N, C-alpha and C. Protein backbone atom coordinates (compact mmCIF):
# COMPACT_ATOMS: atom_id res chain seq x y z
N MET A 1 61.37 -2.98 39.22
CA MET A 1 62.54 -2.44 38.31
C MET A 1 63.11 -1.09 38.41
N ARG A 2 62.10 -0.64 39.17
CA ARG A 2 62.76 1.04 39.51
C ARG A 2 63.89 1.13 40.31
N ARG A 3 64.35 0.13 41.17
CA ARG A 3 65.73 0.04 41.82
C ARG A 3 66.64 -0.79 40.64
N ALA A 4 66.40 -1.30 39.99
CA ALA A 4 67.58 -1.75 39.10
C ALA A 4 67.41 -1.05 37.83
N ALA A 5 67.00 -0.14 37.91
CA ALA A 5 67.04 1.10 36.64
C ALA A 5 68.01 2.14 37.44
N ALA A 6 67.73 2.59 38.72
CA ALA A 6 68.65 3.30 39.70
C ALA A 6 69.94 2.44 39.54
N ALA A 7 70.50 1.42 39.79
CA ALA A 7 71.33 0.98 40.05
C ALA A 7 71.97 0.66 38.12
N ALA A 8 71.78 0.98 37.52
CA ALA A 8 72.14 0.75 36.43
C ALA A 8 72.16 2.41 36.13
N LYS A 9 72.01 3.25 36.46
CA LYS A 9 72.21 4.83 36.44
C LYS A 9 71.19 5.19 35.63
N LEU A 10 69.90 4.40 35.02
CA LEU A 10 69.21 5.06 34.32
C LEU A 10 68.03 5.95 34.75
N ALA A 11 68.24 6.73 33.99
CA ALA A 11 66.69 7.76 34.43
C ALA A 11 65.28 6.96 34.43
N TRP A 12 64.52 7.15 35.23
CA TRP A 12 63.38 6.58 35.79
C TRP A 12 61.82 7.76 35.22
N LEU A 13 61.62 8.16 34.14
CA LEU A 13 60.69 9.05 33.59
C LEU A 13 59.60 8.90 33.69
N ARG A 14 58.44 9.04 34.40
CA ARG A 14 57.29 8.55 34.51
C ARG A 14 56.27 9.95 33.82
N LEU A 15 55.52 9.19 32.74
CA LEU A 15 54.80 9.87 32.27
C LEU A 15 53.08 9.18 32.23
N ASP A 16 52.29 10.52 33.24
CA ASP A 16 51.57 9.73 33.56
C ASP A 16 50.00 10.61 32.65
N LEU A 17 49.75 9.48 31.99
CA LEU A 17 48.30 9.88 31.10
C LEU A 17 47.34 9.25 31.62
N GLU A 18 47.03 9.46 32.46
CA GLU A 18 45.20 9.46 33.11
C GLU A 18 44.34 10.09 32.50
N SER A 19 44.52 11.70 32.33
CA SER A 19 43.44 12.06 31.77
C SER A 19 44.00 12.71 30.39
N VAL A 20 44.81 12.32 30.06
CA VAL A 20 45.42 12.32 28.71
C VAL A 20 44.68 11.72 27.68
N ASN A 21 43.81 12.89 27.00
CA ASN A 21 42.65 12.35 25.90
C ASN A 21 42.94 13.45 24.73
N ALA A 22 43.87 13.59 24.26
CA ALA A 22 44.13 14.46 23.07
C ALA A 22 45.47 15.04 22.61
N LYS A 23 46.04 15.12 21.69
CA LYS A 23 47.61 15.28 21.26
C LYS A 23 47.92 16.51 22.23
N PRO A 24 47.61 17.79 22.24
CA PRO A 24 48.34 18.74 23.03
C PRO A 24 48.64 18.34 24.38
N ARG A 25 47.37 17.43 25.17
CA ARG A 25 47.84 16.98 26.16
C ARG A 25 49.22 16.24 26.08
N PHE A 26 48.92 14.76 25.48
CA PHE A 26 49.86 14.41 25.55
C PHE A 26 51.68 14.87 25.34
N LEU A 27 51.83 16.03 24.47
CA LEU A 27 52.95 16.64 24.08
C LEU A 27 53.11 17.31 25.45
N ALA A 28 52.01 17.95 26.27
CA ALA A 28 52.75 18.68 27.43
C ALA A 28 52.94 17.77 28.50
N ALA A 29 52.18 16.63 28.68
CA ALA A 29 52.90 15.88 29.33
C ALA A 29 54.27 15.34 29.02
N CYS A 30 54.08 15.16 28.52
CA CYS A 30 56.21 14.39 27.89
C CYS A 30 57.03 15.39 28.02
N ALA A 31 56.58 17.05 27.87
CA ALA A 31 57.17 18.57 27.92
C ALA A 31 57.67 18.10 29.58
N GLN A 32 56.21 17.86 30.25
CA GLN A 32 56.54 18.08 31.82
C GLN A 32 57.31 17.06 32.29
N ALA A 33 57.10 15.42 32.02
CA ALA A 33 58.00 14.48 32.87
C ALA A 33 59.24 14.56 32.56
N LEU A 34 59.48 15.05 30.89
CA LEU A 34 60.77 14.80 30.44
C LEU A 34 61.69 16.15 30.41
N ASP A 35 61.24 17.20 31.50
CA ASP A 35 61.81 18.19 31.64
C ASP A 35 62.33 18.89 30.09
N PHE A 36 61.50 19.19 28.88
CA PHE A 36 61.78 19.58 27.94
C PHE A 36 62.23 20.89 28.02
N PRO A 37 62.86 21.05 27.18
CA PRO A 37 63.61 22.82 26.96
C PRO A 37 62.73 23.59 26.96
N ASP A 38 62.23 24.90 27.12
CA ASP A 38 61.49 25.88 26.80
C ASP A 38 61.14 25.87 25.75
N THR A 39 61.85 25.74 24.44
CA THR A 39 62.09 25.62 23.42
C THR A 39 61.03 24.71 22.51
N PHE A 40 60.55 23.90 23.66
CA PHE A 40 60.17 22.50 22.99
C PHE A 40 58.71 23.30 22.42
N GLY A 41 58.86 22.78 20.86
CA GLY A 41 57.62 23.37 20.24
C GLY A 41 56.15 22.78 20.14
N ALA A 42 55.97 21.84 20.67
CA ALA A 42 54.76 21.18 21.36
C ALA A 42 53.92 20.92 19.82
N ASN A 43 54.77 20.24 19.06
CA ASN A 43 54.07 19.10 17.63
C ASN A 43 54.86 17.78 17.58
N TRP A 44 54.52 16.79 17.18
CA TRP A 44 55.30 15.66 16.66
C TRP A 44 56.50 15.66 16.17
N ASP A 45 57.09 16.43 15.63
CA ASP A 45 58.66 16.85 14.81
C ASP A 45 59.78 17.12 16.46
N ALA A 46 58.90 17.72 16.97
CA ALA A 46 59.71 18.71 18.38
C ALA A 46 59.94 17.48 19.05
N LEU A 47 58.49 16.82 19.19
CA LEU A 47 58.92 15.67 20.40
C LEU A 47 60.04 14.56 19.81
N ALA A 48 60.11 14.50 18.61
CA ALA A 48 60.82 13.53 18.35
C ALA A 48 62.28 14.05 18.31
N ASP A 49 62.42 15.46 18.00
CA ASP A 49 63.88 16.15 18.42
C ASP A 49 63.93 15.76 19.59
N CYS A 50 63.23 16.02 20.83
CA CYS A 50 63.81 16.45 22.19
C CYS A 50 64.10 14.89 22.35
N LEU A 51 63.58 13.83 22.33
CA LEU A 51 63.50 12.26 23.04
C LEU A 51 64.95 11.91 21.93
N GLN A 52 65.19 12.23 21.06
CA GLN A 52 66.72 11.91 20.20
C GLN A 52 67.76 12.81 20.83
N ASP A 53 67.41 13.90 21.73
CA ASP A 53 68.54 15.01 22.29
C ASP A 53 68.96 14.32 23.46
N LEU A 54 68.08 14.61 24.70
CA LEU A 54 68.22 14.59 26.04
C LEU A 54 69.03 14.94 26.50
N SER A 55 70.11 15.98 25.93
CA SER A 55 71.21 16.22 27.15
C SER A 55 71.03 17.09 27.76
N TRP A 56 69.94 17.43 28.36
CA TRP A 56 69.94 18.19 29.38
C TRP A 56 69.29 17.14 30.35
N ARG A 57 69.72 15.76 30.23
CA ARG A 57 69.49 14.74 31.57
C ARG A 57 70.71 14.12 31.45
N HIS A 58 71.41 13.77 32.40
CA HIS A 58 72.77 13.33 32.20
C HIS A 58 72.61 11.89 33.05
N ALA A 59 72.40 11.10 32.83
CA ALA A 59 72.06 9.34 32.74
C ALA A 59 72.63 8.37 31.41
N ALA A 60 72.87 7.12 32.16
CA ALA A 60 73.27 6.53 31.31
C ALA A 60 72.38 5.78 30.31
N GLY A 61 71.01 6.08 30.65
CA GLY A 61 69.95 5.46 29.42
C GLY A 61 68.66 6.00 30.20
N TYR A 62 67.44 5.81 29.85
CA TYR A 62 66.02 6.05 30.20
C TYR A 62 65.12 4.77 30.13
N VAL A 63 64.66 5.07 30.92
CA VAL A 63 63.13 4.49 31.14
C VAL A 63 61.96 5.26 30.96
N LEU A 64 61.40 5.41 29.82
CA LEU A 64 59.78 6.10 30.05
C LEU A 64 58.77 5.10 30.40
N HIS A 65 58.40 5.35 31.38
CA HIS A 65 57.28 4.48 32.02
C HIS A 65 56.27 5.63 31.43
N LEU A 66 55.04 4.92 30.68
CA LEU A 66 54.02 5.47 30.26
C LEU A 66 52.75 5.02 30.98
N ARG A 67 52.29 5.21 32.06
CA ARG A 67 51.08 5.33 32.94
C ARG A 67 49.62 5.47 32.56
N ASP A 68 48.69 4.58 32.42
CA ASP A 68 47.50 4.82 31.96
C ASP A 68 47.42 5.27 30.60
N ALA A 69 47.94 4.32 29.64
CA ALA A 69 47.97 5.09 28.69
C ALA A 69 46.27 4.65 27.47
N ARG A 70 45.63 3.60 28.19
CA ARG A 70 44.53 3.13 27.48
C ARG A 70 43.36 4.53 26.98
N GLY A 71 43.21 5.35 28.08
CA GLY A 71 42.54 6.51 27.93
C GLY A 71 42.69 7.27 26.47
N PHE A 72 43.98 7.25 26.48
CA PHE A 72 44.82 8.20 25.20
C PHE A 72 44.26 7.33 23.98
N ALA A 73 44.79 6.19 24.26
CA ALA A 73 44.84 5.05 22.86
C ALA A 73 43.04 5.14 22.50
N ARG A 74 42.16 4.72 23.33
CA ARG A 74 41.20 4.84 23.00
C ARG A 74 40.15 6.04 22.43
N ALA A 75 41.31 7.24 22.92
CA ALA A 75 40.10 8.39 22.55
C ALA A 75 40.71 9.14 21.20
N VAL A 76 42.19 8.89 21.12
CA VAL A 76 42.81 9.39 19.89
C VAL A 76 43.33 8.18 19.32
N PRO A 77 43.15 7.62 18.66
CA PRO A 77 43.80 6.18 18.59
C PRO A 77 45.28 6.46 17.15
N GLU A 78 44.66 7.48 16.37
CA GLU A 78 46.25 7.59 15.22
C GLU A 78 46.96 8.28 16.29
N ASP A 79 46.55 9.13 17.09
CA ASP A 79 47.85 9.75 17.90
C ASP A 79 48.35 9.09 18.30
N TYR A 80 48.12 8.23 19.06
CA TYR A 80 48.43 6.92 19.92
C TYR A 80 49.68 6.09 19.35
N ALA A 81 49.16 6.08 18.43
CA ALA A 81 49.69 5.00 16.73
C ALA A 81 50.79 6.14 16.69
N THR A 82 51.00 7.22 16.40
CA THR A 82 52.09 8.32 16.02
C THR A 82 52.63 8.24 17.21
N ALA A 83 52.35 8.27 18.66
CA ALA A 83 53.13 8.38 19.66
C ALA A 83 54.25 7.35 19.82
N LEU A 84 53.61 5.85 19.16
CA LEU A 84 54.17 5.25 19.50
C LEU A 84 55.39 4.99 18.45
N GLU A 85 55.18 6.00 17.60
CA GLU A 85 56.30 5.48 16.22
C GLU A 85 57.56 6.44 16.87
N ILE A 86 57.05 7.59 16.86
CA ILE A 86 57.99 8.54 17.42
C ILE A 86 58.77 8.20 18.92
N LEU A 87 57.78 6.78 19.63
CA LEU A 87 58.93 6.01 20.68
C LEU A 87 60.05 5.33 19.93
N ARG A 88 59.16 4.36 19.17
CA ARG A 88 59.68 3.43 18.74
C ARG A 88 61.39 4.03 18.07
N ASP A 89 61.15 5.19 17.31
CA ASP A 89 62.23 5.27 16.42
C ASP A 89 63.55 5.84 17.42
N ALA A 90 63.11 6.69 18.59
CA ALA A 90 63.95 7.32 19.79
C ALA A 90 64.65 6.20 20.53
N ALA A 91 63.95 4.70 20.30
CA ALA A 91 64.29 3.60 21.28
C ALA A 91 65.60 2.93 19.94
N THR A 92 65.33 3.24 18.93
CA THR A 92 65.96 2.52 18.05
C THR A 92 67.29 3.57 17.83
N PHE A 93 66.94 5.07 17.94
CA PHE A 93 68.15 5.79 17.76
C PHE A 93 69.13 5.42 18.74
N TRP A 94 68.63 5.42 20.17
CA TRP A 94 69.72 5.42 21.26
C TRP A 94 69.89 4.20 21.20
N LYS A 95 69.41 3.04 21.09
CA LYS A 95 70.02 1.70 20.71
C LYS A 95 71.36 1.79 19.50
N GLU A 96 71.61 2.29 18.53
CA GLU A 96 72.04 2.21 17.44
C GLU A 96 73.47 3.09 18.29
N ARG A 97 73.50 3.94 19.30
CA ARG A 97 74.41 4.87 19.96
C ARG A 97 74.84 3.97 21.07
N GLY A 98 74.31 2.67 21.53
CA GLY A 98 74.47 2.38 22.93
C GLY A 98 73.96 2.40 23.98
N LYS A 99 73.34 3.52 23.76
CA LYS A 99 72.29 3.79 25.00
C LYS A 99 71.22 3.21 25.19
N VAL A 100 70.16 2.84 26.53
CA VAL A 100 69.57 2.43 26.84
C VAL A 100 68.06 3.42 26.88
N PHE A 101 67.11 2.82 26.23
CA PHE A 101 66.11 4.04 26.08
C PHE A 101 64.57 2.52 25.70
N ILE A 102 64.14 2.36 26.91
CA ILE A 102 62.79 1.37 27.43
C ILE A 102 61.97 2.24 27.69
N VAL A 103 60.54 1.89 26.70
CA VAL A 103 59.18 2.46 27.01
C VAL A 103 58.35 1.04 27.48
N LEU A 104 57.98 1.18 28.79
CA LEU A 104 56.91 0.48 29.39
C LEU A 104 55.43 1.37 29.37
N VAL A 105 54.63 0.52 29.23
CA VAL A 105 53.25 1.06 28.77
C VAL A 105 52.31 0.25 29.45
N ASP A 106 52.31 0.76 30.92
CA ASP A 106 50.81 0.17 32.24
C ASP A 106 49.68 0.25 31.51
N GLY A 107 49.30 -1.06 31.78
CA GLY A 107 48.10 -1.61 31.59
C GLY A 107 47.93 -1.90 30.14
N ALA A 108 48.61 -1.92 29.62
CA ALA A 108 48.11 -1.86 27.73
C ALA A 108 48.53 -3.40 27.15
N SER A 109 47.72 -4.57 28.04
CA SER A 109 47.95 -5.65 27.50
C SER A 109 46.80 -5.65 26.53
N ASP A 110 45.85 -4.66 26.06
CA ASP A 110 44.82 -5.25 24.65
C ASP A 110 45.52 -3.71 23.89
N LEU A 111 46.73 -3.19 23.84
CA LEU A 111 46.63 -2.12 22.96
C LEU A 111 48.05 -2.11 22.18
N PRO A 112 47.77 -2.03 21.01
CA PRO A 112 49.03 -2.22 20.25
C PRO A 112 50.21 -1.46 20.83
N LEU A 113 51.33 -2.24 20.32
CA LEU A 113 52.92 -2.01 21.18
C LEU A 113 53.70 -2.23 19.96
N PHE A 114 54.92 -1.71 19.95
CA PHE A 114 55.93 -2.20 19.02
C PHE A 114 57.37 -2.74 20.13
N GLU A 115 57.99 -3.79 18.99
CA GLU A 115 59.19 -4.21 19.22
C GLU A 115 60.14 -3.79 18.43
N LEU A 116 61.25 -3.94 19.34
CA LEU A 116 62.51 -3.25 18.07
C LEU A 116 63.60 -4.83 17.67
């Protein structure tokens, strides 16, 4: 899958959530994985803003791979749901602009997901 993404010039962004059990850790993991600007405000609105900008990442599109999301989802289900909503909104935003934005949630067969 990564090779296909690379061939299509899609940025593969791996977000490791193994030790994420709270909103601040999730936001910090996003900032690190996606190399957010120093101005990132570390809140839900700032996350949404950064995901709908990504001007510092030059790619034909994006694949965001959420690894080990289960712990985050179970520790703070409301925050997990909010994060998915923001990711869904970002995917819709990029789809409307003709750009690929795919979110892969690793090992989440029993977790709530979204579809466009």
